[in-house]
Amino acid sequence: MEIEAFFNSYAKGYSQLDVARVSAHFTVPFTAIHQGDLSSWEDMASLRDTTTALLAWYRSQGFLSASHQLDSVLSFGPDAASARVRWTVQRQDQPAWEYCTGYHLKRVDGKWKIYGLVQYQDAPQQ
């Protein structure tokens, strides 16, 4: 599976708030930076628990669906890459969330997996 197809699959799971489908795209150890805070997970069970809580919180915020655009991919050889994805999350009776996430990927048993991410917002367009 190429990286674009990988993110199409990931986006389907995310748009459905499907914990199993989203988590299937991860590998451990896993790190995340969100609002400047670094978190890490050493096992899939705790990463799944965190993903469950996060997706439940999204649901409570009126999450309806997510769409994405793969902005860029930087290859580090055949088995490692970094990708920038722009997300738009539609919410019920609320403004959409727009943000970018940088993903660190590696092949595990021949399949792309996310082992780290950085979530951020771009500066407003002038």
C-alpha atoms as a PDB file:
ATOM      1  CA  MET A   1       0.000   0.000   0.000  1.00  0.00           C
ATOM      2  CA  GLU A   2       1.355   3.388  -0.930  1.00  0.00           C
ATOM      3  CA  ILE A   3       1.234   6.309   1.485  1.00  0.00           C
ATOM      4  CA  GLU A   4      -1.726   8.033  -0.193  1.00  0.00           C
ATOM      5  CA  ALA A   5      -3.796   4.820  -0.012  1.00  0.00           C
ATOM      6  CA  PHE A   6      -2.644   4.364   3.597  1.00  0.00           C
ATOM      7  CA  PHE A   7      -4.011   7.799   4.556  1.00  0.00           C
ATOM      8  CA  ASN A   8      -7.236   7.194   2.628  1.00  0.00           C
ATOM      9  CA  SER A   9      -7.746   4.081   4.767  1.00  0.00           C
ATOM     10  CA  TYR A  10      -6.774   5.934   7.957  1.00  0.00           C
ATOM     11  CA  ALA A  11      -9.172   8.793   7.118  1.00  0.00           C
ATOM     12  CA  LYS A  12     -12.077   6.360   6.678  1.00  0.00           C
ATOM     13  CA  GLY A  13     -11.527   4.977  10.160  1.00  0.00           C
ATOM     14  CA  TYR A  14     -11.085   8.447  11.624  1.00  0.00           C
ATOM     15  CA  SER A  15     -14.198   9.780   9.882  1.00  0.00           C
ATOM     16  CA  GLN A  16     -16.193   6.908  11.403  1.00  0.00           C
ATOM     17  CA  LEU A  17     -14.503   7.340  14.829  1.00  0.00           C
ATOM     18  CA  ASP A  18     -13.651   3.647  14.569  1.00  0.00           C
ATOM     19  CA  VAL A  19     -11.072   2.884  17.265  1.00  0.00           C
ATOM     20  CA  ALA A  20     -10.042  -0.501  15.866  1.00  0.00           C
ATOM     21  CA  ARG A  21      -9.615   0.838  12.340  1.00  0.00           C
ATOM     22  CA  VAL A  22      -7.661   3.909  13.466  1.00  0.00           C
ATOM     23  CA  SER A  23      -5.460   1.914  15.855  1.00  0.00           C
ATOM     24  CA  ALA A  24      -4.660  -0.616  13.136  1.00  0.00           C
ATOM     25  CA  HIS A  25      -2.613   2.146  11.478  1.00  0.00           C
ATOM     26  CA  PHE A  26      -0.351   2.595  14.541  1.00  0.00           C
ATOM     27  CA  THR A  27       2.732   0.839  15.857  1.00  0.00           C
ATOM     28  CA  VAL A  28       4.625   1.134  19.118  1.00  0.00           C
ATOM     29  CA  PRO A  29       6.635   2.701  20.510  1.00  0.00           C
ATOM     30  CA  PHE A  30       4.492   5.700  19.551  1.00  0.00           C
ATOM     31  CA  THR A  31       4.955   9.382  20.299  1.00  0.00           C
ATOM     32  CA  ALA A  32       2.637  12.363  19.915  1.00  0.00           C
ATOM     33  CA  ILE A  33       3.136  16.085  20.318  1.00  0.00           C
ATOM     34  CA  HIS A  34      -0.056  18.064  20.827  1.00  0.00           C
ATOM     35  CA  GLN A  35      -0.034  21.711  21.923  1.00  0.00           C
ATOM     36  CA  GLY A  36       3.641  21.356  22.755  1.00  0.00           C
ATOM     37  CA  ASP A  37       3.190  18.388  25.089  1.00  0.00           C
ATOM     38  CA  LEU A  38       5.013  15.138  24.312  1.00  0.00           C
ATOM     39  CA  SER A  39       3.339  11.825  25.126  1.00  0.00           C
ATOM     40  CA  SER A  40       4.541   8.315  24.416  1.00  0.00           C
ATOM     41  CA  TRP A  41       3.167   4.783  24.500  1.00  0.00           C
ATOM     42  CA  GLU A  42       5.135   1.567  24.708  1.00  0.00           C
ATOM     43  CA  ASP A  43       2.288  -0.911  24.200  1.00  0.00           C
ATOM     44  CA  MET A  44      -0.720  -1.137  21.900  1.00  0.00           C
ATOM     45  CA  ALA A  45      -3.237  -1.671  24.736  1.00  0.00           C
ATOM     46  CA  SER A  46      -2.523   1.724  26.317  1.00  0.00           C
ATOM     47  CA  LEU A  47      -2.375   3.407  22.885  1.00  0.00           C
ATOM     48  CA  ARG A  48      -5.791   1.903  22.025  1.00  0.00           C
ATOM     49  CA  ASP A  49      -7.178   3.126  25.374  1.00  0.00           C
ATOM     50  CA  THR A  50      -5.968   6.659  24.623  1.00  0.00           C
ATOM     51  CA  THR A  51      -7.377   6.475  21.083  1.00  0.00           C
ATOM     52  CA  THR A  52     -10.726   5.313  22.496  1.00  0.00           C
ATOM     53  CA  ALA A  53     -10.854   8.267  24.889  1.00  0.00           C
ATOM     54  CA  LEU A  54      -9.807  10.747  22.200  1.00  0.00           C
ATOM     55  CA  LEU A  55     -12.385   9.578  19.666  1.00  0.00           C
ATOM     56  CA  ALA A  56     -15.101   9.610  22.365  1.00  0.00           C
ATOM     57  CA  TRP A  57     -14.154  13.214  23.133  1.00  0.00           C
ATOM     58  CA  TYR A  58     -14.394  14.083  19.415  1.00  0.00           C
ATOM     59  CA  ARG A  59     -17.871  12.524  19.347  1.00  0.00           C
ATOM     60  CA  SER A  60     -18.875  14.660  22.354  1.00  0.00           C
ATOM     61  CA  GLN A  61     -17.720  17.775  20.446  1.00  0.00           C
ATOM     62  CA  GLY A  62     -20.245  17.198  17.650  1.00  0.00           C
ATOM     63  CA  PHE A  63     -17.876  15.389  15.276  1.00  0.00           C
ATOM     64  CA  LEU A  64     -19.666  14.425  12.059  1.00  0.00           C
ATOM     65  CA  SER A  65     -16.890  13.545   9.611  1.00  0.00           C
ATOM     66  CA  ALA A  66     -13.307  14.238   8.640  1.00  0.00           C
ATOM     67  CA  SER A  67     -11.750  14.891   5.266  1.00  0.00           C
ATOM     68  CA  HIS A  68      -8.078  15.167   4.473  1.00  0.00           C
ATOM     69  CA  GLN A  69      -5.543  16.340   1.965  1.00  0.00           C
ATOM     70  CA  LEU A  70      -2.087  14.785   1.787  1.00  0.00           C
ATOM     71  CA  ASP A  71       0.057  17.920   1.491  1.00  0.00           C
ATOM     72  CA  SER A  72       3.512  16.387   1.285  1.00  0.00           C
ATOM     73  CA  VAL A  73       5.588  13.259   1.782  1.00  0.00           C
ATOM     74  CA  LEU A  74       9.285  13.185   2.579  1.00  0.00           C
ATOM     75  CA  SER A  75      10.837   9.786   1.981  1.00  0.00           C
ATOM     76  CA  PHE A  76      13.691   8.491   4.124  1.00  0.00           C
ATOM     77  CA  GLY A  77      14.267   5.456   1.945  1.00  0.00           C
ATOM     78  CA  PRO A  78      11.912   2.618   1.077  1.00  0.00           C
ATOM     79  CA  ASP A  79      10.757   1.941   4.654  1.00  0.00           C
ATOM     80  CA  ALA A  80      10.463   5.326   6.401  1.00  0.00           C
ATOM     81  CA  ALA A  81       8.772   8.623   5.620  1.00  0.00           C
ATOM     82  CA  SER A  82       7.239  11.740   7.042  1.00  0.00           C
ATOM     83  CA  ALA A  83       3.912  13.082   5.769  1.00  0.00           C
ATOM     84  CA  ARG A  84       1.955  16.283   6.292  1.00  0.00           C
ATOM     85  CA  VAL A  85      -1.829  15.939   6.221  1.00  0.00           C
ATOM     86  CA  ARG A  86      -4.354  18.776   6.325  1.00  0.00           C
ATOM     87  CA  TRP A  87      -7.601  17.836   8.103  1.00  0.00           C
ATOM     88  CA  THR A  88     -11.067  19.399   8.079  1.00  0.00           C
ATOM     89  CA  VAL A  89     -13.484  18.072  10.686  1.00  0.00           C
ATOM     90  CA  GLN A  90     -17.149  18.860  10.211  1.00  0.00           C
ATOM     91  CA  ARG A  91     -19.110  19.287  13.444  1.00  0.00           C
ATOM     92  CA  GLN A  92     -22.798  19.465  14.186  1.00  0.00           C
ATOM     93  CA  ASP A  93     -24.006  23.081  14.511  1.00  0.00           C
ATOM     94  CA  GLN A  94     -20.443  24.329  15.028  1.00  0.00           C
ATOM     95  CA  PRO A  95     -17.582  25.655  12.930  1.00  0.00           C
ATOM     96  CA  ALA A  96     -15.312  23.085  11.314  1.00  0.00           C
ATOM     97  CA  TRP A  97     -11.933  22.306  12.842  1.00  0.00           C
ATOM     98  CA  GLU A  98      -9.038  22.799  10.451  1.00  0.00           C
ATOM     99  CA  TYR A  99      -5.576  21.647  11.407  1.00  0.00           C
ATOM    100  CA  CYS A 100      -2.491  19.881  10.112  1.00  0.00           C
ATOM    101  CA  THR A 101      -0.748  16.801  11.411  1.00  0.00           C
ATOM    102  CA  GLY A 102       2.751  15.647  10.663  1.00  0.00           C
ATOM    103  CA  TYR A 103       3.077  11.860  10.704  1.00  0.00           C
ATOM    104  CA  HIS A 104       6.191   9.724  11.053  1.00  0.00           C
ATOM    105  CA  LEU A 105       5.792   6.419   9.264  1.00  0.00           C
ATOM    106  CA  LYS A 106       7.722   3.210   8.924  1.00  0.00           C
ATOM    107  CA  ARG A 107       7.047  -0.126   7.317  1.00  0.00           C
ATOM    108  CA  VAL A 108       6.266  -2.916   9.747  1.00  0.00           C
ATOM    109  CA  ASP A 109       5.962  -6.361   8.167  1.00  0.00           C
ATOM    110  CA  GLY A 110       5.704  -4.642   4.776  1.00  0.00           C
ATOM    111  CA  LYS A 111       2.867  -2.268   5.789  1.00  0.00           C
ATOM    112  CA  TRP A 112       3.012   1.435   6.574  1.00  0.00           C
ATOM    113  CA  LYS A 113       2.380   2.274  10.230  1.00  0.00           C
ATOM    114  CA  ILE A 114       2.349   5.553  12.144  1.00  0.00           C
ATOM    115  CA  TYR A 115       4.851   5.633  14.988  1.00  0.00           C
ATOM    116  CA  GLY A 116       4.635   9.334  15.766  1.00  0.00           C
ATOM    117  CA  LEU A 117       2.682  12.477  15.065  1.00  0.00           C
ATOM    118  CA  VAL A 118       2.767  16.211  15.632  1.00  0.00           C
ATOM    119  CA  GLN A 119      -0.504  18.128  15.523  1.00  0.00           C
ATOM    120  CA  TYR A 120      -0.438  21.844  14.763  1.00  0.00           C
ATOM    121  CA  GLN A 121      -2.296  24.702  13.145  1.00  0.00           C
ATOM    122  CA  ASP A 122      -0.945  26.758  10.274  1.00  0.00           C
ATOM    123  CA  ALA A 123      -0.698  30.502  10.623  1.00  0.00           C
ATOM    124  CA  PRO A 124      -3.823  32.177   9.226  1.00  0.00           C
ATOM    125  CA  GLN A 125      -3.725  32.823   5.489  1.00  0.00           C
ATOM    126  CA  GLN A 126      -3.195  36.522   4.683  1.00  0.00           C
END
